[in-house]
N, C-alpha and C. Protein backbone atom coordinates (compact mmCIF):
# COMPACT_ATOMS: atom_id res chain seq x y z
N MET A 1 12.36 -92.48 -223.57
CA MET A 1 11.71 -92.65 -222.29
C MET A 1 12.70 -93.15 -221.24
N GLU A 2 13.56 -94.09 -221.60
CA GLU A 2 14.53 -94.63 -220.65
C GLU A 2 15.54 -93.56 -220.23
N ILE A 3 15.96 -92.74 -221.18
CA ILE A 3 16.91 -91.67 -220.85
C ILE A 3 16.28 -90.68 -219.88
N PHE A 4 15.01 -90.38 -220.10
CA PHE A 4 14.29 -89.47 -219.21
C PHE A 4 14.26 -90.03 -217.78
N LEU A 5 13.97 -91.31 -217.63
CA LEU A 5 13.94 -91.95 -216.31
C LEU A 5 15.33 -91.95 -215.67
N ILE A 6 16.36 -92.19 -216.43
CA ILE A 6 17.73 -92.17 -215.90
C ILE A 6 18.08 -90.76 -215.41
N ILE A 7 17.69 -89.76 -216.18
CA ILE A 7 17.95 -88.36 -215.77
C ILE A 7 17.20 -88.04 -214.49
N ILE A 8 15.95 -88.44 -214.40
CA ILE A 8 15.16 -88.20 -213.18
C ILE A 8 15.79 -88.90 -211.98
N LEU A 9 16.22 -90.14 -212.15
CA LEU A 9 16.86 -90.87 -211.06
C LEU A 9 18.17 -90.22 -210.64
N ALA A 10 18.96 -89.78 -211.62
CA ALA A 10 20.23 -89.12 -211.31
C ALA A 10 20.00 -87.81 -210.57
N LEU A 11 19.02 -87.02 -211.01
CA LEU A 11 18.71 -85.76 -210.32
C LEU A 11 18.17 -86.01 -208.92
N SER A 12 17.37 -87.04 -208.76
CA SER A 12 16.85 -87.39 -207.43
C SER A 12 17.98 -87.79 -206.49
N ALA A 13 18.91 -88.60 -207.00
CA ALA A 13 20.06 -89.02 -206.18
C ALA A 13 20.92 -87.82 -205.80
N TRP A 14 21.16 -86.93 -206.77
CA TRP A 14 21.96 -85.74 -206.47
C TRP A 14 21.27 -84.89 -205.41
N PHE A 15 19.96 -84.67 -205.54
CA PHE A 15 19.21 -83.86 -204.58
C PHE A 15 19.27 -84.47 -203.19
N TRP A 16 19.10 -85.77 -203.11
CA TRP A 16 19.12 -86.46 -201.82
C TRP A 16 20.49 -86.32 -201.16
N LEU A 17 21.58 -86.57 -201.90
CA LEU A 17 22.92 -86.46 -201.34
C LEU A 17 23.25 -85.01 -200.96
N ASP A 18 22.85 -84.07 -201.80
CA ASP A 18 23.08 -82.66 -201.50
C ASP A 18 22.31 -82.24 -200.25
N SER A 19 21.09 -82.72 -200.10
CA SER A 19 20.28 -82.38 -198.93
C SER A 19 20.90 -82.91 -197.65
N ILE A 20 21.48 -84.09 -197.70
CA ILE A 20 22.15 -84.64 -196.52
C ILE A 20 23.34 -83.77 -196.13
N ALA A 21 24.14 -83.37 -197.11
CA ALA A 21 25.32 -82.54 -196.83
C ALA A 21 24.91 -81.17 -196.30
N VAL A 22 23.89 -80.57 -196.89
CA VAL A 22 23.46 -79.25 -196.45
C VAL A 22 22.81 -79.32 -195.08
N ARG A 23 22.11 -80.40 -194.77
CA ARG A 23 21.53 -80.54 -193.43
C ARG A 23 22.62 -80.59 -192.38
N GLU A 24 23.71 -81.27 -192.68
CA GLU A 24 24.84 -81.31 -191.74
C GLU A 24 25.39 -79.90 -191.52
N THR A 25 25.47 -79.12 -192.59
CA THR A 25 25.89 -77.72 -192.47
C THR A 25 24.91 -76.95 -191.59
N ALA A 26 23.61 -77.21 -191.76
CA ALA A 26 22.59 -76.53 -190.96
C ALA A 26 22.70 -76.92 -189.48
N VAL A 27 22.96 -78.19 -189.19
CA VAL A 27 23.12 -78.63 -187.80
C VAL A 27 24.31 -77.91 -187.18
N ASN A 28 25.43 -77.85 -187.89
CA ASN A 28 26.61 -77.16 -187.37
C ASN A 28 26.34 -75.68 -187.17
N ALA A 29 25.65 -75.05 -188.12
CA ALA A 29 25.31 -73.63 -187.99
C ALA A 29 24.37 -73.42 -186.80
N GLY A 30 23.39 -74.28 -186.63
CA GLY A 30 22.48 -74.19 -185.48
C GLY A 30 23.21 -74.33 -184.17
N ARG A 31 24.16 -75.25 -184.11
CA ARG A 31 24.98 -75.44 -182.90
C ARG A 31 25.80 -74.18 -182.61
N ASP A 32 26.40 -73.60 -183.65
CA ASP A 32 27.20 -72.38 -183.48
C ASP A 32 26.33 -71.20 -183.04
N ILE A 33 25.16 -71.05 -183.64
CA ILE A 33 24.25 -69.98 -183.28
C ILE A 33 23.82 -70.13 -181.82
N ALA A 34 23.46 -71.33 -181.44
CA ALA A 34 23.04 -71.59 -180.06
C ALA A 34 24.17 -71.25 -179.09
N GLN A 35 25.38 -71.63 -179.43
CA GLN A 35 26.51 -71.34 -178.54
C GLN A 35 26.74 -69.83 -178.42
N ARG A 36 26.66 -69.11 -179.54
CA ARG A 36 26.83 -67.65 -179.51
C ARG A 36 25.74 -66.97 -178.69
N CYS A 37 24.54 -67.51 -178.72
CA CYS A 37 23.41 -66.92 -177.98
C CYS A 37 23.32 -67.46 -176.55
N ASN A 38 24.26 -68.29 -176.17
CA ASN A 38 24.33 -68.86 -174.83
C ASN A 38 23.08 -69.67 -174.49
N VAL A 39 22.63 -70.46 -175.46
CA VAL A 39 21.51 -71.39 -175.28
C VAL A 39 21.94 -72.76 -175.79
N GLN A 40 21.11 -73.75 -175.52
CA GLN A 40 21.44 -75.11 -175.92
C GLN A 40 20.58 -75.55 -177.09
N LEU A 41 21.21 -76.10 -178.13
CA LEU A 41 20.48 -76.68 -179.25
C LEU A 41 19.85 -77.98 -178.76
N LEU A 42 18.54 -78.08 -178.94
CA LEU A 42 17.81 -79.24 -178.42
C LEU A 42 17.76 -80.37 -179.43
N ASP A 43 18.25 -81.51 -179.05
CA ASP A 43 18.10 -82.75 -179.82
C ASP A 43 18.57 -82.63 -181.27
N GLU A 44 19.41 -81.65 -181.56
CA GLU A 44 19.80 -81.39 -182.95
C GLU A 44 18.57 -81.39 -183.84
N THR A 45 17.54 -80.65 -183.38
CA THR A 45 16.24 -80.59 -184.05
C THR A 45 16.27 -79.65 -185.24
N VAL A 46 17.12 -79.89 -186.19
CA VAL A 46 17.22 -79.04 -187.37
C VAL A 46 16.49 -79.75 -188.52
N ALA A 47 15.43 -79.10 -189.01
CA ALA A 47 14.62 -79.72 -190.07
C ALA A 47 14.32 -78.67 -191.14
N CYS A 48 14.43 -79.07 -192.39
CA CYS A 48 14.14 -78.18 -193.51
C CYS A 48 12.63 -77.94 -193.59
N SER A 49 12.24 -76.66 -193.58
CA SER A 49 10.82 -76.34 -193.63
C SER A 49 10.41 -75.67 -194.95
N LYS A 50 11.38 -75.08 -195.65
CA LYS A 50 11.09 -74.44 -196.93
C LYS A 50 12.23 -74.68 -197.89
N LEU A 51 11.88 -74.80 -199.14
CA LEU A 51 12.87 -75.01 -200.20
C LEU A 51 12.47 -74.12 -201.37
N TRP A 52 13.41 -73.30 -201.82
CA TRP A 52 13.12 -72.37 -202.90
C TRP A 52 14.39 -72.15 -203.70
N LEU A 53 14.30 -71.38 -204.75
CA LEU A 53 15.48 -71.01 -205.53
C LEU A 53 15.89 -69.59 -205.17
N GLY A 54 17.20 -69.36 -205.10
CA GLY A 54 17.73 -68.03 -204.83
C GLY A 54 18.98 -67.82 -205.66
N ARG A 55 19.44 -66.59 -205.70
CA ARG A 55 20.65 -66.26 -206.45
C ARG A 55 21.76 -65.87 -205.47
N ASN A 56 22.96 -66.38 -205.74
CA ASN A 56 24.10 -66.01 -204.92
C ASN A 56 24.63 -64.65 -205.39
N MET A 57 25.73 -64.19 -204.81
CA MET A 57 26.26 -62.87 -205.14
C MET A 57 26.74 -62.77 -206.59
N ARG A 58 27.05 -63.90 -207.20
CA ARG A 58 27.47 -63.91 -208.61
C ARG A 58 26.29 -64.04 -209.57
N GLY A 59 25.09 -64.16 -209.02
CA GLY A 59 23.90 -64.27 -209.85
C GLY A 59 23.53 -65.68 -210.24
N HIS A 60 24.25 -66.68 -209.71
CA HIS A 60 23.95 -68.08 -210.03
C HIS A 60 22.81 -68.59 -209.16
N MET A 61 21.95 -69.40 -209.76
CA MET A 61 20.83 -70.00 -209.03
C MET A 61 21.35 -71.10 -208.11
N GLN A 62 20.84 -71.09 -206.88
CA GLN A 62 21.14 -72.12 -205.91
C GLN A 62 19.87 -72.40 -205.11
N LEU A 63 19.87 -73.53 -204.42
CA LEU A 63 18.73 -73.85 -203.57
C LEU A 63 18.81 -73.01 -202.30
N LEU A 64 17.69 -72.41 -201.95
CA LEU A 64 17.55 -71.61 -200.74
C LEU A 64 16.70 -72.43 -199.78
N ARG A 65 17.29 -72.82 -198.67
CA ARG A 65 16.60 -73.69 -197.73
C ARG A 65 16.44 -72.97 -196.39
N THR A 66 15.24 -73.08 -195.81
CA THR A 66 14.99 -72.57 -194.46
C THR A 66 14.88 -73.77 -193.53
N TYR A 67 15.63 -73.71 -192.45
CA TYR A 67 15.63 -74.78 -191.45
C TYR A 67 15.07 -74.24 -190.14
N ASP A 68 14.24 -75.04 -189.51
CA ASP A 68 13.71 -74.73 -188.19
C ASP A 68 14.45 -75.58 -187.17
N PHE A 69 14.71 -75.00 -186.01
CA PHE A 69 15.32 -75.75 -184.93
C PHE A 69 14.88 -75.15 -183.60
N GLU A 70 15.15 -75.84 -182.52
CA GLU A 70 14.74 -75.37 -181.21
C GLU A 70 15.93 -75.29 -180.29
N VAL A 71 15.89 -74.27 -179.41
CA VAL A 71 16.93 -74.08 -178.41
C VAL A 71 16.26 -73.90 -177.06
N SER A 72 17.06 -73.98 -176.01
CA SER A 72 16.56 -73.75 -174.67
C SER A 72 17.62 -73.00 -173.88
N ALA A 73 17.17 -72.05 -173.08
CA ALA A 73 18.09 -71.30 -172.22
C ALA A 73 18.23 -71.98 -170.87
N SER A 74 17.19 -72.69 -170.43
CA SER A 74 17.24 -73.30 -169.10
C SER A 74 17.03 -74.80 -169.12
N GLY A 75 16.66 -75.35 -170.25
CA GLY A 75 16.38 -76.78 -170.33
C GLY A 75 14.90 -77.10 -170.24
N GLY A 76 14.08 -76.16 -169.76
CA GLY A 76 12.67 -76.41 -169.59
C GLY A 76 11.82 -75.94 -170.74
N GLU A 77 12.15 -74.81 -171.29
CA GLU A 77 11.35 -74.23 -172.38
C GLU A 77 12.01 -74.51 -173.72
N ARG A 78 11.21 -74.41 -174.76
CA ARG A 78 11.71 -74.62 -176.12
C ARG A 78 11.43 -73.35 -176.92
N LEU A 79 12.48 -72.79 -177.50
CA LEU A 79 12.35 -71.59 -178.32
C LEU A 79 12.50 -71.96 -179.78
N PRO A 80 11.50 -71.69 -180.63
CA PRO A 80 11.62 -71.99 -182.06
C PRO A 80 12.53 -70.97 -182.75
N CYS A 81 13.45 -71.45 -183.56
CA CYS A 81 14.42 -70.61 -184.26
C CYS A 81 14.48 -71.02 -185.73
N THR A 82 15.08 -70.17 -186.55
CA THR A 82 15.24 -70.49 -187.96
C THR A 82 16.62 -70.07 -188.44
N LEU A 83 17.06 -70.72 -189.49
CA LEU A 83 18.25 -70.29 -190.21
C LEU A 83 18.01 -70.55 -191.69
N VAL A 84 18.64 -69.73 -192.53
CA VAL A 84 18.46 -69.81 -193.97
C VAL A 84 19.81 -70.04 -194.62
N LEU A 85 19.88 -71.07 -195.46
CA LEU A 85 21.10 -71.38 -196.20
C LEU A 85 20.85 -71.21 -197.70
N LEU A 86 21.76 -70.53 -198.36
CA LEU A 86 21.75 -70.44 -199.82
C LEU A 86 22.91 -71.31 -200.28
N GLY A 87 22.59 -72.43 -200.91
CA GLY A 87 23.63 -73.42 -201.16
C GLY A 87 24.06 -73.96 -199.80
N LYS A 88 25.34 -73.80 -199.48
CA LYS A 88 25.85 -74.20 -198.16
C LYS A 88 26.27 -72.99 -197.32
N GLN A 89 25.88 -71.79 -197.76
CA GLN A 89 26.26 -70.57 -197.07
C GLN A 89 25.11 -70.06 -196.20
N LEU A 90 25.42 -69.78 -194.94
CA LEU A 90 24.44 -69.22 -194.02
C LEU A 90 24.10 -67.80 -194.46
N GLN A 91 22.83 -67.53 -194.71
CA GLN A 91 22.38 -66.22 -195.15
C GLN A 91 21.81 -65.41 -193.99
N SER A 92 21.01 -66.05 -193.16
CA SER A 92 20.40 -65.35 -192.02
C SER A 92 19.98 -66.36 -190.98
N TRP A 93 19.72 -65.85 -189.79
CA TRP A 93 19.22 -66.70 -188.71
C TRP A 93 18.41 -65.85 -187.75
N HIS A 94 17.54 -66.52 -186.98
CA HIS A 94 16.70 -65.83 -186.01
C HIS A 94 16.55 -66.69 -184.76
N VAL A 95 16.87 -66.09 -183.62
CA VAL A 95 16.60 -66.67 -182.31
C VAL A 95 15.73 -65.64 -181.60
N PRO A 96 14.53 -66.02 -181.14
CA PRO A 96 13.66 -65.03 -180.50
C PRO A 96 14.25 -64.54 -179.18
N PRO A 97 13.85 -63.35 -178.76
CA PRO A 97 14.34 -62.84 -177.47
C PRO A 97 13.89 -63.77 -176.34
N TYR A 98 14.72 -63.89 -175.36
CA TYR A 98 14.38 -64.70 -174.20
C TYR A 98 14.90 -63.99 -172.97
N SER A 99 14.31 -64.30 -171.84
CA SER A 99 14.69 -63.64 -170.58
C SER A 99 16.03 -64.15 -170.10
N GLN A 100 16.91 -63.24 -169.76
CA GLN A 100 18.22 -63.62 -169.23
C GLN A 100 18.10 -64.26 -167.84
N THR A 101 16.96 -64.09 -167.18
CA THR A 101 16.79 -64.68 -165.86
C THR A 101 16.63 -66.19 -165.91
N TRP A 102 16.46 -66.75 -167.11
CA TRP A 102 16.34 -68.21 -167.24
C TRP A 102 17.65 -68.91 -166.96
N HIS A 103 18.75 -68.20 -166.99
CA HIS A 103 20.06 -68.85 -166.82
C HIS A 103 20.24 -69.24 -165.41
């Protein structure tokens, strides 16, 4: 029973530390995406909304995380966006269309 609890605590600690590191990767990816799309990342509002298992190109299981964040083209409106990380690798991202007249 004690070994089981130690294993659970160790896995929980690993998950927590890994989540912190991957969130930082997501914040940086969100900032880069916003810059490429010529919009501003709002409040570094990057939050994990989904957690699943996925396979990388070598077939190894990794955590697949979807992060939601918000951007603005003019500072007044908020556009909801997403990005997907497999492990620490950016897999996909989505920024909705917005009017260029907002600039």
